All heavy atoms as atom14 arrays in JSON, in Angstrom:
{
  "sequence": "SALHYIDTHLEEELTLKELAEHIHLNPSYLSVLFKEQVHLT",
  "atom14_mask": [
    [1, 1, 1, 1, 1, 1, 0, 0, 0, 0, 0, 0, 0, 0],
    [1, 1, 1, 1, 1, 0, 0, 0, 0, 0, 0, 0, 0, 0],
    [1, 1, 1, 1, 1, 1, 1, 1, 0, 0, 0, 0, 0, 0],
    [1, 1, 1, 1, 1, 1, 1, 1, 1, 1, 0, 0, 0, 0],
    [1, 1, 1, 1, 1, 1, 1, 1, 1, 1, 1, 1, 0, 0],
    [1, 1, 1, 1, 1, 1, 1, 1, 0, 0, 0, 0, 0, 0],
    [1, 1, 1, 1, 1, 1, 1, 1, 0, 0, 0, 0, 0, 0],
    [1, 1, 1, 1, 1, 1, 1, 0, 0, 0, 0, 0, 0, 0],
    [1, 1, 1, 1, 1, 1, 1, 1, 1, 1, 0, 0, 0, 0],
    [1, 1, 1, 1, 1, 1, 1, 1, 0, 0, 0, 0, 0, 0],
    [1, 1, 1, 1, 1, 1, 1, 1, 1, 0, 0, 0, 0, 0],
    [1, 1, 1, 1, 1, 1, 1, 1, 1, 0, 0, 0, 0, 0],
    [1, 1, 1, 1, 1, 1, 1, 1, 1, 0, 0, 0, 0, 0],
    [1, 1, 1, 1, 1, 1, 1, 1, 0, 0, 0, 0, 0, 0],
    [1, 1, 1, 1, 1, 1, 1, 0, 0, 0, 0, 0, 0, 0],
    [1, 1, 1, 1, 1, 1, 1, 1, 0, 0, 0, 0, 0, 0],
    [1, 1, 1, 1, 1, 1, 1, 1, 1, 0, 0, 0, 0, 0],
    [1, 1, 1, 1, 1, 1, 1, 1, 1, 0, 0, 0, 0, 0],
    [1, 1, 1, 1, 1, 1, 1, 1, 0, 0, 0, 0, 0, 0],
    [1, 1, 1, 1, 1, 0, 0, 0, 0, 0, 0, 0, 0, 0],
    [1, 1, 1, 1, 1, 1, 1, 1, 1, 0, 0, 0, 0, 0],
    [1, 1, 1, 1, 1, 1, 1, 1, 1, 1, 0, 0, 0, 0],
    [1, 1, 1, 1, 1, 1, 1, 1, 0, 0, 0, 0, 0, 0],
    [1, 1, 1, 1, 1, 1, 1, 1, 1, 1, 0, 0, 0, 0],
    [1, 1, 1, 1, 1, 1, 1, 1, 0, 0, 0, 0, 0, 0],
    [1, 1, 1, 1, 1, 1, 1, 1, 0, 0, 0, 0, 0, 0],
    [1, 1, 1, 1, 1, 1, 1, 0, 0, 0, 0, 0, 0, 0],
    [1, 1, 1, 1, 1, 1, 0, 0, 0, 0, 0, 0, 0, 0],
    [1, 1, 1, 1, 1, 1, 1, 1, 1, 1, 1, 1, 0, 0],
    [1, 1, 1, 1, 1, 1, 1, 1, 0, 0, 0, 0, 0, 0],
    [1, 1, 1, 1, 1, 1, 0, 0, 0, 0, 0, 0, 0, 0],
    [1, 1, 1, 1, 1, 1, 1, 0, 0, 0, 0, 0, 0, 0],
    [1, 1, 1, 1, 1, 1, 1, 1, 0, 0, 0, 0, 0, 0],
    [1, 1, 1, 1, 1, 1, 1, 1, 1, 1, 1, 0, 0, 0],
    [1, 1, 1, 1, 1, 1, 1, 1, 1, 0, 0, 0, 0, 0],
    [1, 1, 1, 1, 1, 1, 1, 1, 1, 0, 0, 0, 0, 0],
    [1, 1, 1, 1, 1, 1, 1, 1, 1, 0, 0, 0, 0, 0],
    [1, 1, 1, 1, 1, 1, 1, 0, 0, 0, 0, 0, 0, 0],
    [1, 1, 1, 1, 1, 1, 1, 1, 1, 1, 0, 0, 0, 0],
    [1, 1, 1, 1, 1, 1, 1, 1, 0, 0, 0, 0, 0, 0],
    [1, 1, 1, 1, 1, 1, 1, 0, 0, 0, 0, 0, 0, 0]
  ],
  "atom14_positions": [
    [[0.84, -1.2, 0.0], [0.0, 0.0, 0.0], [0.87, 1.25, 0.0], [0.57, 2.24, -0.69], [-0.92, -0.01, 1.22], [-1.7, 1.16, 1.26], [0.0, 0.0, 0.0], [0.0, 0.0, 0.0], [0.0, 0.0, 0.0], [0.0, 0.0, 0.0], [0.0, 0.0, 0.0], [0.0, 0.0, 0.0], [0.0, 0.0, 0.0], [0.0, 0.0, 0.0]],
    [[1.96, 1.21, 0.75], [2.9, 2.35, 0.82], [3.54, 2.6, -0.55], [3.63, 3.75, -1.01], [3.98, 2.09, 1.86], [0.0, 0.0, 0.0], [0.0, 0.0, 0.0], [0.0, 0.0, 0.0], [0.0, 0.0, 0.0], [0.0, 0.0, 0.0], [0.0, 0.0, 0.0], [0.0, 0.0, 0.0], [0.0, 0.0, 0.0], [0.0, 0.0, 0.0]],
    [[3.97, 1.53, -1.2], [4.59, 1.66, -2.52], [3.6, 2.23, -3.54], [3.95, 3.1, -4.34], [5.1, 0.29, -3.0], [6.28, -0.31, -2.22], [6.56, -1.73, -2.7], [7.53, 0.55, -2.35], [0.0, 0.0, 0.0], [0.0, 0.0, 0.0], [0.0, 0.0, 0.0], [0.0, 0.0, 0.0], [0.0, 0.0, 0.0], [0.0, 0.0, 0.0]],
    [[2.38, 1.75, -3.49], [1.35, 2.24, -4.42], [1.09, 3.73, -4.19], [0.95, 4.49, -5.15], [0.06, 1.44, -4.22], [-1.07, 1.93, -5.09], [-1.1, 1.72, -6.46], [-2.18, 2.66, -4.78], [-2.18, 2.29, -6.96], [-2.87, 2.86, -5.97], [0.0, 0.0, 0.0], [0.0, 0.0, 0.0], [0.0, 0.0, 0.0], [0.0, 0.0, 0.0]],
    [[1.04, 4.12, -2.92], [0.78, 5.52, -2.6], [1.91, 6.41, -3.13], [1.66, 7.45, -3.74], [0.65, 5.7, -1.09], [0.27, 7.11, -0.69], [-1.06, 7.52, -0.71], [1.25, 8.05, -0.32], [-1.41, 8.83, -0.38], [0.91, 9.35, 0.01], [-0.43, 9.73, -0.02], [-0.77, 11.02, 0.31], [0.0, 0.0, 0.0], [0.0, 0.0, 0.0]],
    [[3.15, 5.98, -2.93], [4.3, 6.75, -3.44], [4.22, 6.87, -4.97], [4.35, 7.95, -5.54], [5.63, 6.08, -3.03], [5.82, 6.17, -1.52], [6.81, 6.76, -3.75], [6.96, 5.3, -0.99], [0.0, 0.0, 0.0], [0.0, 0.0, 0.0], [0.0, 0.0, 0.0], [0.0, 0.0, 0.0], [0.0, 0.0, 0.0], [0.0, 0.0, 0.0]],
    [[4.0, 5.73, -5.62], [4.0, 5.69, -7.09], [2.93, 6.59, -7.7], [3.1, 7.11, -8.81], [3.8, 4.25, -7.6], [4.95, 3.33, -7.21], [5.99, 3.84, -6.74], [4.79, 2.1, -7.37], [0.0, 0.0, 0.0], [0.0, 0.0, 0.0], [0.0, 0.0, 0.0], [0.0, 0.0, 0.0], [0.0, 0.0, 0.0], [0.0, 0.0, 0.0]],
    [[1.82, 6.77, -7.0], [0.71, 7.57, -7.55], [0.69, 9.01, -7.03], [-0.21, 9.78, -7.36], [-0.64, 6.9, -7.22], [-0.73, 6.65, -5.81], [-0.78, 5.58, -7.98], [0.0, 0.0, 0.0], [0.0, 0.0, 0.0], [0.0, 0.0, 0.0], [0.0, 0.0, 0.0], [0.0, 0.0, 0.0], [0.0, 0.0, 0.0], [0.0, 0.0, 0.0]],
    [[1.7, 9.38, -6.22], [1.78, 10.74, -5.7], [3.17, 11.36, -5.88], [3.58, 12.23, -5.13], [1.4, 10.78, -4.2], [-0.05, 10.46, -3.95], [-0.53, 9.18, -3.97], [-1.1, 11.28, -3.68], [-1.83, 9.2, -3.71], [-2.21, 10.46, -3.54], [0.0, 0.0, 0.0], [0.0, 0.0, 0.0], [0.0, 0.0, 0.0], [0.0, 0.0, 0.0]],
    [[3.9, 10.89, -6.9], [5.29, 11.33, -7.09], [5.42, 12.83, -7.31], [6.42, 13.43, -6.91], [5.92, 10.59, -8.28], [6.33, 9.13, -8.06], [6.82, 8.53, -9.36], [7.39, 9.02, -6.97], [0.0, 0.0, 0.0], [0.0, 0.0, 0.0], [0.0, 0.0, 0.0], [0.0, 0.0, 0.0], [0.0, 0.0, 0.0], [0.0, 0.0, 0.0]],
    [[4.43, 13.44, -7.96], [4.54, 14.88, -8.26], [4.25, 15.74, -7.03], [4.47, 16.96, -7.06], [3.59, 15.26, -9.41], [2.13, 15.27, -9.07], [1.48, 13.89, -9.02], [2.19, 12.87, -9.19], [0.27, 13.82, -8.78], [0.0, 0.0, 0.0], [0.0, 0.0, 0.0], [0.0, 0.0, 0.0], [0.0, 0.0, 0.0], [0.0, 0.0, 0.0]],
    [[3.81, 15.11, -5.94], [3.5, 15.85, -4.72], [4.68, 15.8, -3.75], [5.61, 15.02, -3.93], [2.25, 15.27, -4.06], [1.01, 15.34, -4.95], [-0.16, 14.55, -4.4], [-0.16, 14.27, -3.17], [-1.07, 14.22, -5.18], [0.0, 0.0, 0.0], [0.0, 0.0, 0.0], [0.0, 0.0, 0.0], [0.0, 0.0, 0.0], [0.0, 0.0, 0.0]],
    [[4.6, 16.61, -2.72], [5.65, 16.6, -1.7], [5.4, 15.42, -0.77], [4.41, 15.39, -0.03], [5.64, 17.9, -0.9], [6.85, 18.03, 0.01], [6.96, 19.4, 0.66], [6.35, 20.34, 0.14], [7.66, 19.5, 1.67], [0.0, 0.0, 0.0], [0.0, 0.0, 0.0], [0.0, 0.0, 0.0], [0.0, 0.0, 0.0], [0.0, 0.0, 0.0]],
    [[6.25, 14.42, -0.84], [6.06, 13.2, -0.05], [6.94, 13.2, 1.2], [8.13, 13.49, 1.11], [6.41, 11.97, -0.9], [5.42, 11.6, -2.01], [6.06, 10.62, -2.98], [4.15, 10.99, -1.42], [0.0, 0.0, 0.0], [0.0, 0.0, 0.0], [0.0, 0.0, 0.0], [0.0, 0.0, 0.0], [0.0, 0.0, 0.0], [0.0, 0.0, 0.0]],
    [[6.35, 12.87, 2.32], [7.13, 12.74, 3.56], [6.81, 11.4, 4.2], [5.72, 10.84, 4.01], [6.8, 13.87, 4.56], [5.43, 13.72, 4.98], [7.02, 15.24, 3.94], [0.0, 0.0, 0.0], [0.0, 0.0, 0.0], [0.0, 0.0, 0.0], [0.0, 0.0, 0.0], [0.0, 0.0, 0.0], [0.0, 0.0, 0.0], [0.0, 0.0, 0.0]],
    [[7.76, 10.9, 4.95], [7.56, 9.64, 5.66], [6.4, 9.75, 6.64], [5.59, 8.83, 6.79], [8.85, 9.25, 6.4], [8.83, 7.89, 7.1], [8.7, 6.76, 6.08], [10.1, 7.7, 7.92], [0.0, 0.0, 0.0], [0.0, 0.0, 0.0], [0.0, 0.0, 0.0], [0.0, 0.0, 0.0], [0.0, 0.0, 0.0], [0.0, 0.0, 0.0]],
    [[6.28, 10.91, 7.28], [5.19, 11.14, 8.24], [3.82, 11.05, 7.57], [2.9, 10.39, 8.07], [5.38, 12.51, 8.89], [4.37, 12.85, 9.99], [4.74, 14.17, 10.64], [3.76, 14.52, 11.77], [2.42, 14.85, 11.26], [0.0, 0.0, 0.0], [0.0, 0.0, 0.0], [0.0, 0.0, 0.0], [0.0, 0.0, 0.0], [0.0, 0.0, 0.0]],
    [[3.72, 11.69, 6.42], [2.45, 11.67, 5.68], [2.11, 10.25, 5.23], [0.96, 9.81, 5.34], [2.57, 12.58, 4.46], [1.35, 12.6, 3.56], [1.63, 13.25, 2.21], [2.72, 13.83, 2.02], [0.75, 13.16, 1.35], [0.0, 0.0, 0.0], [0.0, 0.0, 0.0], [0.0, 0.0, 0.0], [0.0, 0.0, 0.0], [0.0, 0.0, 0.0]],
    [[3.12, 9.53, 4.74], [2.9, 8.15, 4.3], [2.48, 7.27, 5.47], [1.58, 6.44, 5.34], [4.18, 7.61, 3.65], [4.12, 6.16, 3.12], [3.05, 6.03, 2.04], [5.48, 5.74, 2.58], [0.0, 0.0, 0.0], [0.0, 0.0, 0.0], [0.0, 0.0, 0.0], [0.0, 0.0, 0.0], [0.0, 0.0, 0.0], [0.0, 0.0, 0.0]],
    [[3.14, 7.44, 6.59], [2.81, 6.66, 7.8], [1.37, 6.89, 8.22], [0.64, 5.95, 8.59], [3.77, 7.01, 8.92], [0.0, 0.0, 0.0], [0.0, 0.0, 0.0], [0.0, 0.0, 0.0], [0.0, 0.0, 0.0], [0.0, 0.0, 0.0], [0.0, 0.0, 0.0], [0.0, 0.0, 0.0], [0.0, 0.0, 0.0], [0.0, 0.0, 0.0]],
    [[0.95, 8.14, 8.16], [-0.45, 8.46, 8.51], [-1.42, 7.78, 7.55], [-2.46, 7.28, 7.95], [-0.66, 9.98, 8.48], [-0.05, 10.7, 9.66], [-0.17, 12.22, 9.54], [-0.77, 12.7, 8.54], [0.36, 12.91, 10.43], [0.0, 0.0, 0.0], [0.0, 0.0, 0.0], [0.0, 0.0, 0.0], [0.0, 0.0, 0.0], [0.0, 0.0, 0.0]],
    [[-1.06, 7.76, 6.27], [-1.93, 7.17, 5.25], [-2.15, 5.68, 5.48], [-3.26, 5.18, 5.26], [-1.33, 7.41, 3.86], [-2.13, 6.78, 2.75], [-3.34, 7.29, 2.33], [-1.9, 5.66, 2.0], [-3.82, 6.52, 1.36], [-2.96, 5.53, 1.15], [0.0, 0.0, 0.0], [0.0, 0.0, 0.0], [0.0, 0.0, 0.0], [0.0, 0.0, 0.0]],
    [[-1.09, 4.97, 5.89], [-1.24, 3.52, 6.08], [-1.36, 3.14, 7.56], [-1.26, 1.97, 7.91], [-0.09, 2.74, 5.4], [1.27, 3.11, 6.02], [-0.07, 2.98, 3.91], [2.4, 2.22, 5.53], [0.0, 0.0, 0.0], [0.0, 0.0, 0.0], [0.0, 0.0, 0.0], [0.0, 0.0, 0.0], [0.0, 0.0, 0.0], [0.0, 0.0, 0.0]],
    [[-1.54, 4.17, 8.41], [-1.81, 3.96, 9.84], [-0.7, 3.2, 10.56], [-0.92, 2.18, 11.22], [-3.14, 3.21, 10.04], [-4.28, 3.82, 9.26], [-4.76, 5.09, 9.53], [-5.0, 3.34, 8.21], [-5.75, 5.35, 8.68], [-5.9, 4.32, 7.86], [0.0, 0.0, 0.0], [0.0, 0.0, 0.0], [0.0, 0.0, 0.0], [0.0, 0.0, 0.0]],
    [[0.52, 3.71, 10.4], [1.66, 3.14, 11.11], [2.47, 4.28, 11.74], [2.43, 5.42, 11.28], [2.58, 2.36, 10.16], [2.18, 0.96, 9.72], [3.25, 0.39, 8.8], [1.98, 0.03, 10.92], [0.0, 0.0, 0.0], [0.0, 0.0, 0.0], [0.0, 0.0, 0.0], [0.0, 0.0, 0.0], [0.0, 0.0, 0.0], [0.0, 0.0, 0.0]],
    [[3.23, 3.93, 12.76], [4.15, 4.88, 13.36], [5.29, 5.14, 12.37], [5.83, 4.19, 11.78], [4.7, 4.27, 14.66], [5.79, 5.1, 15.28], [6.94, 5.01, 14.85], [5.44, 5.89, 16.26], [0.0, 0.0, 0.0], [0.0, 0.0, 0.0], [0.0, 0.0, 0.0], [0.0, 0.0, 0.0], [0.0, 0.0, 0.0], [0.0, 0.0, 0.0]],
    [[5.69, 6.43, 12.14], [6.73, 6.74, 11.15], [8.04, 5.97, 11.37], [8.64, 5.48, 10.41], [6.95, 8.24, 11.32], [5.65, 8.75, 11.85], [5.12, 7.65, 12.73], [0.0, 0.0, 0.0], [0.0, 0.0, 0.0], [0.0, 0.0, 0.0], [0.0, 0.0, 0.0], [0.0, 0.0, 0.0], [0.0, 0.0, 0.0], [0.0, 0.0, 0.0]],
    [[8.47, 5.86, 12.62], [9.73, 5.15, 12.9], [9.61, 3.68, 12.54], [10.53, 3.09, 11.95], [10.1, 5.29, 14.38], [10.3, 6.64, 14.7], [0.0, 0.0, 0.0], [0.0, 0.0, 0.0], [0.0, 0.0, 0.0], [0.0, 0.0, 0.0], [0.0, 0.0, 0.0], [0.0, 0.0, 0.0], [0.0, 0.0, 0.0], [0.0, 0.0, 0.0]],
    [[8.47, 3.09, 12.88], [8.27, 1.67, 12.58], [8.18, 1.46, 11.06], [8.74, 0.51, 10.52], [7.0, 1.16, 13.26], [6.71, -0.29, 12.97], [7.63, -1.29, 13.3], [5.52, -0.67, 12.36], [7.38, -2.62, 13.02], [5.25, -2.01, 12.08], [6.19, -2.97, 12.4], [5.95, -4.3, 12.14], [0.0, 0.0, 0.0], [0.0, 0.0, 0.0]],
    [[7.48, 2.38, 10.38], [7.37, 2.29, 8.92], [8.75, 2.37, 8.27], [9.06, 1.63, 7.34], [6.49, 3.41, 8.37], [6.44, 3.54, 6.85], [5.95, 2.26, 6.18], [5.58, 4.72, 6.43], [0.0, 0.0, 0.0], [0.0, 0.0, 0.0], [0.0, 0.0, 0.0], [0.0, 0.0, 0.0], [0.0, 0.0, 0.0], [0.0, 0.0, 0.0]],
    [[9.6, 3.24, 8.77], [10.94, 3.41, 8.22], [11.72, 2.1, 8.28], [12.36, 1.69, 7.3], [11.68, 4.5, 8.99], [12.99, 4.65, 8.5], [0.0, 0.0, 0.0], [0.0, 0.0, 0.0], [0.0, 0.0, 0.0], [0.0, 0.0, 0.0], [0.0, 0.0, 0.0], [0.0, 0.0, 0.0], [0.0, 0.0, 0.0], [0.0, 0.0, 0.0]],
    [[11.65, 1.44, 9.42], [12.36, 0.16, 9.61], [11.75, -0.92, 8.72], [12.46, -1.67, 8.04], [12.3, -0.28, 11.09], [12.87, -1.69, 11.26], [13.07, 0.71, 11.97], [0.0, 0.0, 0.0], [0.0, 0.0, 0.0], [0.0, 0.0, 0.0], [0.0, 0.0, 0.0], [0.0, 0.0, 0.0], [0.0, 0.0, 0.0], [0.0, 0.0, 0.0]],
    [[10.43, -0.99, 8.71], [9.71, -2.0, 7.93], [9.96, -1.83, 6.42], [10.17, -2.81, 5.69], [8.21, -1.9, 8.23], [7.34, -3.12, 7.95], [7.76, -4.29, 8.83], [5.87, -2.78, 8.19], [0.0, 0.0, 0.0], [0.0, 0.0, 0.0], [0.0, 0.0, 0.0], [0.0, 0.0, 0.0], [0.0, 0.0, 0.0], [0.0, 0.0, 0.0]],
    [[9.95, -0.58, 6.0], [10.16, -0.26, 4.58], [11.54, -0.73, 4.13], [11.68, -1.43, 3.12], [10.02, 1.26, 4.37], [9.84, 1.68, 2.93], [8.57, 1.89, 2.41], [10.94, 1.87, 2.11], [8.4, 2.28, 1.08], [10.78, 2.25, 0.78], [9.51, 2.46, 0.27], [0.0, 0.0, 0.0], [0.0, 0.0, 0.0], [0.0, 0.0, 0.0]],
    [[12.56, -0.38, 4.91], [13.95, -0.77, 4.56], [14.1, -2.29, 4.59], [14.78, -2.88, 3.73], [14.92, -0.12, 5.56], [16.4, -0.4, 5.26], [16.82, 0.31, 3.99], [18.27, 0.22, 3.64], [19.19, -0.61, 4.29], [0.0, 0.0, 0.0], [0.0, 0.0, 0.0], [0.0, 0.0, 0.0], [0.0, 0.0, 0.0], [0.0, 0.0, 0.0]],
    [[13.45, -2.92, 5.53], [13.55, -4.37, 5.71], [12.93, -5.12, 4.53], [13.49, -6.11, 4.06], [12.81, -4.75, 7.01], [12.96, -6.2, 7.42], [12.22, -6.44, 8.72], [12.78, -6.19, 9.8], [11.04, -6.85, 8.65], [0.0, 0.0, 0.0], [0.0, 0.0, 0.0], [0.0, 0.0, 0.0], [0.0, 0.0, 0.0], [0.0, 0.0, 0.0]],
    [[11.8, -4.62, 4.03], [11.09, -5.35, 2.97], [11.4, -4.86, 1.56], [11.36, -5.64, 0.6], [9.58, -5.27, 3.22], [9.16, -5.99, 4.49], [7.65, -6.09, 4.65], [6.91, -6.11, 3.68], [7.19, -6.16, 5.88], [0.0, 0.0, 0.0], [0.0, 0.0, 0.0], [0.0, 0.0, 0.0], [0.0, 0.0, 0.0], [0.0, 0.0, 0.0]],
    [[11.72, -3.59, 1.41], [11.99, -3.02, 0.08], [13.49, -3.01, -0.22], [13.91, -2.98, -1.38], [11.4, -1.59, -0.02], [11.68, -0.96, -1.38], [9.89, -1.62, 0.24], [0.0, 0.0, 0.0], [0.0, 0.0, 0.0], [0.0, 0.0, 0.0], [0.0, 0.0, 0.0], [0.0, 0.0, 0.0], [0.0, 0.0, 0.0], [0.0, 0.0, 0.0]],
    [[14.3, -3.06, 0.82], [15.76, -3.01, 0.7], [16.25, -1.68, 0.14], [17.33, -1.6, -0.46], [16.29, -4.18, -0.13], [15.87, -5.52, 0.39], [16.32, -6.02, 1.6], [15.01, -6.44, -0.1], [15.77, -7.21, 1.82], [14.97, -7.48, 0.81], [0.0, 0.0, 0.0], [0.0, 0.0, 0.0], [0.0, 0.0, 0.0], [0.0, 0.0, 0.0]],
    [[15.45, -0.65, 0.29], [15.81, 0.73, 0.02], [15.16, 1.57, 1.11], [14.11, 1.2, 1.63], [15.26, 1.2, -1.33], [15.88, 0.67, -2.63], [15.02, 1.09, -3.81], [17.3, 1.17, -2.81], [0.0, 0.0, 0.0], [0.0, 0.0, 0.0], [0.0, 0.0, 0.0], [0.0, 0.0, 0.0], [0.0, 0.0, 0.0], [0.0, 0.0, 0.0]],
    [[15.78, 2.7, 1.44], [15.1, 3.59, 2.39], [13.93, 4.27, 1.66], [13.86, 4.27, 0.43], [16.05, 4.68, 2.92], [16.42, 5.53, 1.83], [17.29, 4.07, 3.56], [0.0, 0.0, 0.0], [0.0, 0.0, 0.0], [0.0, 0.0, 0.0], [0.0, 0.0, 0.0], [0.0, 0.0, 0.0], [0.0, 0.0, 0.0], [0.0, 0.0, 0.0]]
  ]
}
């Protein structure tokens, strides 16, 4: 869901905080989870 949101909002100002709110996760936890599963920050 996070990847889809990024891909469809590239022209907008994207922040980790905003993304975390969108998928209902804590920003710090999302950061760790994202790196762990996507292998990119």
